[in-house]
Protein backbone atom coordinates (compact mmCIF):
# COMPACT_ATOMS: atom_id res chain seq x y z
CA MET A 1 -16.58 -5.03 12.33
CA ARG A 2 -13.72 -7.53 11.99
CA ALA A 3 -15.29 -9.10 8.90
CA ALA A 4 -15.83 -5.68 7.28
CA LEU A 5 -12.23 -4.63 7.87
CA ASP A 6 -10.86 -7.92 6.55
CA ARG A 7 -13.10 -7.55 3.50
CA LEU A 8 -11.77 -4.01 2.94
CA TYR A 9 -8.17 -5.25 3.04
CA ASP A 10 -8.99 -8.15 0.73
CA VAL A 11 -10.85 -5.98 -1.80
CA ALA A 12 -7.92 -3.56 -1.92
CA ALA A 13 -5.56 -6.52 -2.48
CA TRP A 14 -7.73 -7.88 -5.29
CA ILE A 15 -7.77 -4.47 -6.97
CA ALA A 16 -3.98 -4.34 -6.57
CA ALA A 17 -3.76 -7.75 -8.23
CA ALA A 18 -5.93 -6.50 -11.10
CA CYS A 19 -3.59 -3.53 -11.44
CA MET A 20 -0.67 -5.95 -11.71
CA VAL A 21 -2.46 -7.78 -14.52
CA GLY A 22 -3.12 -4.43 -16.19
CA LEU A 23 0.57 -3.59 -15.78
CA LEU A 24 1.48 -6.84 -17.49
CA VAL A 25 -0.91 -6.05 -20.35
CA MET A 26 0.63 -2.58 -20.80
CA VAL A 27 4.16 -4.00 -20.87
CA LEU A 28 3.21 -6.76 -23.30
CA LEU A 29 1.40 -4.25 -25.49
CA GLY A 30 4.52 -2.08 -25.59
CA ILE A 31 6.71 -5.08 -26.46
CA ALA A 32 4.29 -6.28 -29.13
CA GLY A 33 4.10 -2.77 -30.56
CA ARG A 34 7.86 -2.57 -30.95
CA ARG A 35 8.02 -6.08 -32.41
CA PHE A 36 5.18 -5.66 -34.92
CA GLY A 37 5.56 -1.99 -35.73
CA PHE A 38 2.59 -0.30 -34.08
CA HIS A 39 2.40 2.22 -31.27
CA VAL A 40 -0.17 2.55 -28.51
CA PRO A 41 0.26 5.96 -26.89
CA GLY A 42 0.56 6.07 -23.12
CA THR A 43 1.45 2.45 -22.40
CA ASP A 44 4.55 3.46 -20.43
CA ALA A 45 2.62 6.04 -18.41
CA TYR A 46 -0.26 3.65 -17.72
CA ALA A 47 2.19 0.95 -16.68
CA GLY A 48 3.65 3.39 -14.15
CA TYR A 49 0.23 4.40 -12.88
CA LEU A 50 -0.80 0.76 -12.48
CA MET A 51 2.45 -0.11 -10.69
CA ALA A 52 1.95 2.70 -8.17
CA ALA A 53 -1.71 1.73 -7.68
CA ALA A 54 -0.78 -1.92 -7.09
CA GLY A 55 1.85 -0.96 -4.54
CA PHE A 56 -0.32 1.41 -2.53
CA LEU A 57 -3.47 -0.69 -2.62
CA ALA A 58 -1.60 -3.76 -1.37
CA LEU A 59 -0.01 -2.03 1.65
CA ALA A 60 -2.79 -2.69 4.17
CA HIS A 61 -3.28 -6.31 3.13
CA THR A 62 0.47 -6.90 3.41
CA LEU A 63 0.52 -5.33 6.89
CA LYS A 64 -2.38 -7.44 8.10
CA ARG A 65 -0.67 -10.62 6.88
CA ASN A 66 2.57 -9.72 8.75
CA GLU A 67 4.49 -9.52 5.49
CA HIS A 68 6.01 -6.05 5.89
CA ILE A 69 9.73 -6.07 6.52
CA ARG A 70 10.37 -5.73 10.24
CA VAL A 71 13.55 -5.38 12.22
CA THR A 72 12.91 -7.76 15.11
CA LEU A 73 16.39 -8.13 16.55
CA LEU A 74 15.54 -6.01 19.58
CA LEU A 75 12.11 -7.61 20.05
CA ALA A 76 13.64 -11.08 20.16
CA VAL A 77 15.69 -10.31 23.27
CA CYS A 78 13.12 -8.20 25.18
CA GLY A 79 10.77 -9.35 27.85
CA ALA A 80 7.04 -9.52 27.21
CA ARG A 81 6.20 -6.12 28.76
CA VAL A 82 8.97 -4.27 26.96
CA ARG A 83 8.11 -6.04 23.70
CA ARG A 84 4.47 -5.00 24.01
CA ALA A 85 5.46 -1.39 24.74
CA LEU A 86 7.82 -1.33 21.76
CA GLU A 87 5.17 -2.87 19.52
CA PHE A 88 2.62 -0.26 20.53
CA TRP A 89 5.13 2.59 20.17
CA SER A 90 6.09 1.42 16.68
CA LEU A 91 2.42 1.08 15.71
CA ALA A 92 1.70 4.59 17.00
CA VAL A 93 4.60 6.06 15.02
CA ALA A 94 3.60 4.08 11.92
CA LEU A 95 0.00 5.26 12.31
CA LEU A 96 1.17 8.87 12.50
CA LEU A 97 3.38 8.50 9.41
CA ALA A 98 0.63 6.69 7.48
CA ALA A 99 -1.84 9.43 8.43
CA LEU A 100 0.56 12.08 7.14
CA LEU A 101 1.05 10.13 3.92
CA ALA A 102 -2.72 9.76 3.51
CA PHE A 103 -3.36 13.44 4.23
CA TYR A 104 -0.84 14.62 1.65
CA SER A 105 -1.88 11.99 -0.88
CA VAL A 106 -5.53 13.03 -0.64
CA ARG A 107 -4.50 16.67 -0.81
CA LEU A 108 -2.36 16.04 -3.89
CA ALA A 109 -5.19 14.23 -5.70
CA TRP A 110 -7.64 16.98 -4.75
CA GLN A 111 -5.30 19.73 -5.94
CA SER A 112 -4.67 17.92 -9.21
CA TYR A 113 -8.42 17.67 -9.68
CA ALA A 114 -9.02 21.32 -8.76
CA PHE A 115 -6.23 22.63 -10.99
CA ARG A 116 -7.14 20.23 -13.84
CA ASP A 117 -3.57 18.96 -13.84
CA ILE A 118 -2.80 16.52 -16.67
CA SER A 119 0.10 14.25 -17.50
CA THR A 120 2.86 15.78 -19.57
CA GLY A 121 3.14 12.58 -21.60
CA ASN A 122 1.28 11.87 -24.81
CA ASP A 123 -1.55 10.22 -22.87
CA ALA A 124 -2.71 13.54 -21.29
CA THR A 125 -4.35 11.69 -18.40
CA PRO A 126 -5.88 13.84 -15.65
CA LEU A 127 -3.41 13.20 -12.82
CA TRP A 128 -6.01 12.95 -10.09
CA ILE A 129 -7.10 9.58 -11.49
CA PRO A 130 -3.84 7.69 -10.84
CA GLN A 131 -3.24 9.73 -7.68
CA LEU A 132 -6.58 8.55 -6.34
CA ALA A 133 -5.26 5.00 -6.03
CA MET A 134 -2.36 6.29 -3.92
CA ALA A 135 -4.75 8.27 -1.71
CA ILE A 136 -7.16 5.36 -1.24
CA GLY A 137 -4.34 2.91 -0.54
CA SER A 138 -2.86 5.29 2.03
CA LEU A 139 -6.23 5.75 3.74
CA ILE A 140 -6.74 2.00 3.95
CA LEU A 141 -3.23 1.69 5.41
CA VAL A 142 -4.19 4.20 8.13
CA VAL A 143 -7.22 2.06 8.95
CA ALA A 144 -5.02 -1.05 9.08
CA PHE A 145 -2.49 0.57 11.44
CA ALA A 146 -5.30 1.84 13.67
CA ASP A 147 -6.77 -1.66 13.64
CA GLU A 148 -3.41 -3.15 14.65
CA ALA A 149 -2.95 -0.57 17.42
CA VAL A 150 -6.39 -1.33 18.87
CA LEU A 151 -5.69 -5.06 18.71
CA GLU A 152 -2.35 -4.49 20.45
CA LEU A 153 -4.01 -2.47 23.21
CA ARG A 154 -6.58 -5.21 23.73
CA GLY A 155 -3.93 -7.92 23.71
CA ARG A 156 -5.51 -9.64 20.70
CA ARG A 157 -2.85 -8.95 18.14
CA GLY A 158 -1.32 -12.07 16.61
CA ARG A 159 2.18 -12.79 17.85
CA ARG A 160 4.97 -14.21 15.78
CA ALA A 161 6.65 -17.33 17.03
CA PRO A 162 10.03 -16.70 18.69
CA ALA A 163 11.82 -18.72 15.98
CA GLU A 164 10.19 -16.54 13.34
CA LEU A 165 11.30 -13.40 15.19
CA GLN A 166 14.92 -14.50 14.99
CA ARG A 167 14.82 -15.64 11.38
CA ASN A 168 17.09 -13.61 9.16
CA GLU A 169 15.73 -13.06 5.65
């Protein structure tokens, strides 16, 4: 199960990286179009869609690599039992919030599909397509938070070194 979850997070991160490359292509295409006098419709909209997709699809991978911004001032001065309780409480709250985000993201994509909602820009993209990346990224984030909560309950969650907890970035 561990290998499958890690593979899921990695695949989502690779897709997010591909979206970043696509974003770069859209921006460069827009710049080249202005420089050389041609226009490719929808490059701005597609750049926005790709940026959102990259952000949402990378959330779980970032969480699992301990790269999310954390306020650890309180954790640094707590004892081990209190720290563990605070960690689990924060994971439970984060799991709830991620589940709400995923629910409403999936609902939004489904409603856009059902109502045949399209972009108001000149690209006329069906909106459920870019919203799907947000929904999938949110669902994977829910899985990642649930994974972290289970690891915390079992005492197998990776701990940060005390010096790293006190580092101010």
